[in-house]
C-alpha atoms as a PDB file:
ATOM      1  CA  MET A   1     -46.864 -28.872  22.431  1.00  0.00           C
ATOM      2  CA  SER A   2     -43.993 -29.612  19.837  1.00  0.00           C
ATOM      3  CA  LEU A   3     -43.641 -26.471  18.261  1.00  0.00           C
ATOM      4  CA  LYS A   4     -43.415 -26.355  14.147  1.00  0.00           C
ATOM      5  CA  LYS A   5     -40.002 -26.311  12.284  1.00  0.00           C
ATOM      6  CA  THR A   6     -41.137 -22.573  10.623  1.00  0.00           C
ATOM      7  CA  ASP A   7     -42.049 -21.417  14.131  1.00  0.00           C
ATOM      8  CA  LEU A   8     -38.404 -22.859  15.410  1.00  0.00           C
ATOM      9  CA  ALA A   9     -36.816 -20.614  12.807  1.00  0.00           C
ATOM     10  CA  LYS A  10     -38.536 -17.755  13.633  1.00  0.00           C
ATOM     11  CA  ASN A  11     -37.817 -17.911  17.104  1.00  0.00           C
ATOM     12  CA  LEU A  12     -34.421 -18.463  15.947  1.00  0.00           C
ATOM     13  CA  GLY A  13     -34.205 -16.007  14.046  1.00  0.00           C
ATOM     14  CA  LEU A  14     -35.983 -13.727  17.203  1.00  0.00           C
ATOM     15  CA  LYS A  15     -33.168 -14.681  19.366  1.00  0.00           C
ATOM     16  CA  ILE A  16     -30.896 -13.981  17.100  1.00  0.00           C
ATOM     17  CA  THR A  17     -32.462 -10.135  16.275  1.00  0.00           C
ATOM     18  CA  GLN A  18     -31.906  -9.507  19.995  1.00  0.00           C
ATOM     19  CA  GLN A  19     -28.470 -11.158  20.770  1.00  0.00           C
ATOM     20  CA  MET A  20     -27.377  -8.015  17.705  1.00  0.00           C
ATOM     21  CA  LYS A  21     -29.694  -5.442  19.891  1.00  0.00           C
ATOM     22  CA  LYS A  22     -28.058  -6.002  22.879  1.00  0.00           C
ATOM     23  CA  SER A  23     -24.592  -5.994  21.750  1.00  0.00           C
ATOM     24  CA  GLY A  24     -23.779  -2.514  20.557  1.00  0.00           C
ATOM     25  CA  PRO A  25     -22.258  -1.282  17.815  1.00  0.00           C
ATOM     26  CA  PRO A  26     -18.599  -3.082  16.636  1.00  0.00           C
ATOM     27  CA  GLY A  27     -15.611  -0.598  17.518  1.00  0.00           C
ATOM     28  CA  ARG A  28     -14.633   0.366  14.000  1.00  0.00           C
ATOM     29  CA  PHE A  29     -17.967   2.424  14.816  1.00  0.00           C
ATOM     30  CA  GLY A  30     -17.796   3.854  17.780  1.00  0.00           C
ATOM     31  CA  ALA A  31     -14.808   5.647  19.678  1.00  0.00           C
ATOM     32  CA  ALA A  32     -11.931   3.564  17.460  1.00  0.00           C
ATOM     33  CA  SER A  33     -13.465   5.569  14.563  1.00  0.00           C
ATOM     34  CA  VAL A  34     -12.603   9.009  15.985  1.00  0.00           C
ATOM     35  CA  ALA A  35      -9.244   7.604  16.372  1.00  0.00           C
ATOM     36  CA  LEU A  36      -8.253   8.015  12.437  1.00  0.00           C
ATOM     37  CA  PRO A  37      -8.581  11.356  10.021  1.00  0.00           C
ATOM     38  CA  ASP A  38     -11.190  11.434   6.845  1.00  0.00           C
ATOM     39  CA  ARG A  39      -9.149  11.096   3.474  1.00  0.00           C
ATOM     40  CA  ARG A  40      -9.432  14.660   3.606  1.00  0.00           C
ATOM     41  CA  GLU A  41      -7.362  15.252   6.729  1.00  0.00           C
ATOM     42  CA  GLN A  42      -4.964  12.576   6.066  1.00  0.00           C
ATOM     43  CA  ARG A  43      -4.500  14.037   2.677  1.00  0.00           C
ATOM     44  CA  LYS A  44      -3.517  17.470   4.147  1.00  0.00           C
ATOM     45  CA  LEU A  45      -1.530  15.946   6.661  1.00  0.00           C
ATOM     46  CA  ASP A  46       0.663  14.460   3.893  1.00  0.00           C
ATOM     47  CA  GLN A  47       0.726  17.671   1.947  1.00  0.00           C
ATOM     48  CA  ALA A  48       2.503  18.778   5.199  1.00  0.00           C
ATOM     49  CA  ALA A  49       4.898  16.676   5.564  1.00  0.00           C
ATOM     50  CA  GLY A  50       6.193  16.327   1.262  1.00  0.00           C
ATOM     51  CA  LEU A  51       4.566  13.519   0.925  1.00  0.00           C
ATOM     52  CA  LEU A  52       3.158  13.063  -2.723  1.00  0.00           C
ATOM     53  CA  PRO A  53       0.828  10.102  -3.953  1.00  0.00           C
ATOM     54  CA  PHE A  54       3.032   7.556  -6.403  1.00  0.00           C
ATOM     55  CA  ALA A  55       1.170   4.994  -7.967  1.00  0.00           C
ATOM     56  CA  VAL A  56       3.193   2.261  -9.815  1.00  0.00           C
ATOM     57  CA  LYS A  57       2.321  -0.541 -11.528  1.00  0.00           C
ATOM     58  CA  LEU A  58       4.840  -4.169 -10.119  1.00  0.00           C
ATOM     59  CA  HIS A  59       4.816  -7.579 -10.841  1.00  0.00           C
ATOM     60  CA  ASP A  60       2.604  -9.464  -8.191  1.00  0.00           C
ATOM     61  CA  ASP A  61       5.877 -11.093  -6.703  1.00  0.00           C
ATOM     62  CA  LEU A  62       7.716  -7.862  -5.983  1.00  0.00           C
ATOM     63  CA  ILE A  63       4.484  -6.491  -3.682  1.00  0.00           C
ATOM     64  CA  LYS A  64       4.618  -9.857  -2.070  1.00  0.00           C
ATOM     65  CA  GLN A  65       8.484  -9.351  -0.965  1.00  0.00           C
ATOM     66  CA  LEU A  66       7.308  -5.887  -0.332  1.00  0.00           C
ATOM     67  CA  ARG A  67       5.082  -7.061   1.593  1.00  0.00           C
ATOM     68  CA  ASP A  68       6.646  -9.683   3.451  1.00  0.00           C
ATOM     69  CA  LEU A  69       9.478  -7.629   4.244  1.00  0.00           C
ATOM     70  CA  ALA A  70       7.531  -4.523   5.774  1.00  0.00           C
ATOM     71  CA  GLN A  71       5.659  -6.368   7.917  1.00  0.00           C
ATOM     72  CA  GLN A  72       9.144  -8.219   9.090  1.00  0.00           C
ATOM     73  CA  GLU A  73      10.358  -5.075   9.639  1.00  0.00           C
ATOM     74  CA  GLY A  74       7.211  -3.285  11.462  1.00  0.00           C
ATOM     75  CA  GLY A  75       4.360  -3.178   8.331  1.00  0.00           C
ATOM     76  CA  ASN A  76       5.079  -0.021   7.162  1.00  0.00           C
ATOM     77  CA  LEU A  77       4.826  -0.065   3.916  1.00  0.00           C
ATOM     78  CA  ASN A  78       5.406   3.044   2.939  1.00  0.00           C
ATOM     79  CA  ALA A  79       8.455   4.069   4.378  1.00  0.00           C
ATOM     80  CA  VAL A  80      10.083   0.114   3.149  1.00  0.00           C
ATOM     81  CA  THR A  81       9.652   1.073  -0.157  1.00  0.00           C
ATOM     82  CA  GLU A  82      10.728   4.876   0.287  1.00  0.00           C
ATOM     83  CA  ARG A  83      14.047   3.381   1.718  1.00  0.00           C
ATOM     84  CA  LEU A  84      14.440   0.513  -0.972  1.00  0.00           C
ATOM     85  CA  ILE A  85      13.990   3.372  -3.433  1.00  0.00           C
ATOM     86  CA  ARG A  86      16.801   5.381  -1.871  1.00  0.00           C
ATOM     87  CA  ALA A  87      18.946   3.156  -1.403  1.00  0.00           C
ATOM     88  CA  GLY A  88      18.508   2.070  -5.051  1.00  0.00           C
ATOM     89  CA  LEU A  89      19.336   5.758  -6.442  1.00  0.00           C
ATOM     90  CA  ALA A  90      22.065   6.236  -3.966  1.00  0.00           C
ATOM     91  CA  ALA A  91      23.654   2.949  -5.786  1.00  0.00           C
ATOM     92  CA  SER A  92      22.715   4.310  -9.316  1.00  0.00           C
ATOM     93  CA  GLN A  93      24.265   7.464  -8.733  1.00  0.00           C
ATOM     94  CA  PRO A  94      27.915   8.247 -11.370  1.00  0.00           C
ATOM     95  CA  THR A  95      30.742   9.127  -8.975  1.00  0.00           C
ATOM     96  CA  GLY A  96      32.039  12.332  -9.745  1.00  0.00           C
ATOM     97  CA  ALA A  97      34.927  10.126 -12.425  1.00  0.00           C
ATOM     98  CA  GLU A  98      32.075   8.650 -14.564  1.00  0.00           C
ATOM     99  CA  LYS A  99      29.734  10.396 -16.021  1.00  0.00           C
ATOM    100  CA  PRO A 100      27.731   8.591 -18.911  1.00  0.00           C
ATOM    101  CA  ALA A 101      27.271  10.539 -22.133  1.00  0.00           C
ATOM    102  CA  PRO A 102      23.662  11.657 -22.588  1.00  0.00           C
ATOM    103  CA  ALA A 103      21.491   8.927 -24.106  1.00  0.00           C
ATOM    104  CA  LYS A 104      21.056  10.710 -27.557  1.00  0.00           C
ATOM    105  CA  LYS A 105      25.207  10.777 -28.037  1.00  0.00           C
ATOM    106  CA  ALA A 106      25.514   7.893 -26.797  1.00  0.00           C
ATOM    107  CA  ALA A 107      23.294   5.928 -29.469  1.00  0.00           C
ATOM    108  CA  ALA A 108      25.150   8.266 -31.929  1.00  0.00           C
ATOM    109  CA  LYS A 109      28.677   6.818 -31.119  1.00  0.00           C
ATOM    110  CA  LYS A 110      27.041   3.700 -31.050  1.00  0.00           C
ATOM    111  CA  ALA A 111      25.945   3.618 -34.544  1.00  0.00           C
ATOM    112  CA  ALA A 112      29.242   5.015 -35.097  1.00  0.00           C
ATOM    113  CA  LYS A 113      30.538   2.215 -34.299  1.00  0.00           C
ATOM    114  CA  LYS A 114      28.530  -0.026 -36.464  1.00  0.00           C
ATOM    115  CA  THR A 115      28.715   1.953 -39.841  1.00  0.00           C
ATOM    116  CA  SER A 116      32.855   2.241 -39.069  1.00  0.00           C
ATOM    117  CA  SER A 117      33.273  -2.016 -38.766  1.00  0.00           C
END
């Protein structure tokens, strides 16, 4: 006796359901889920370490470069971003002899030069 097409589909569905019940929960819901702290605990750990969230809007190509660099260095995007920002700020710091004029005074000097010319 052959089975109808609908009976074959029903049996296949029952077979899949039984396999899913036997397999158990995936690792992300089992013991592995306990390894990571929840958001509140993570926020407290970050605050204790002196870390603050800082949202910035960047161009897509720059984000891709940052992610690629982080992956090459081990996968920590926060550490790579922090290192690059610190290096950029250190490079932009003026030395003791060359202090830039404040923005208002510099703009006033430029305006004075334009009117005198």
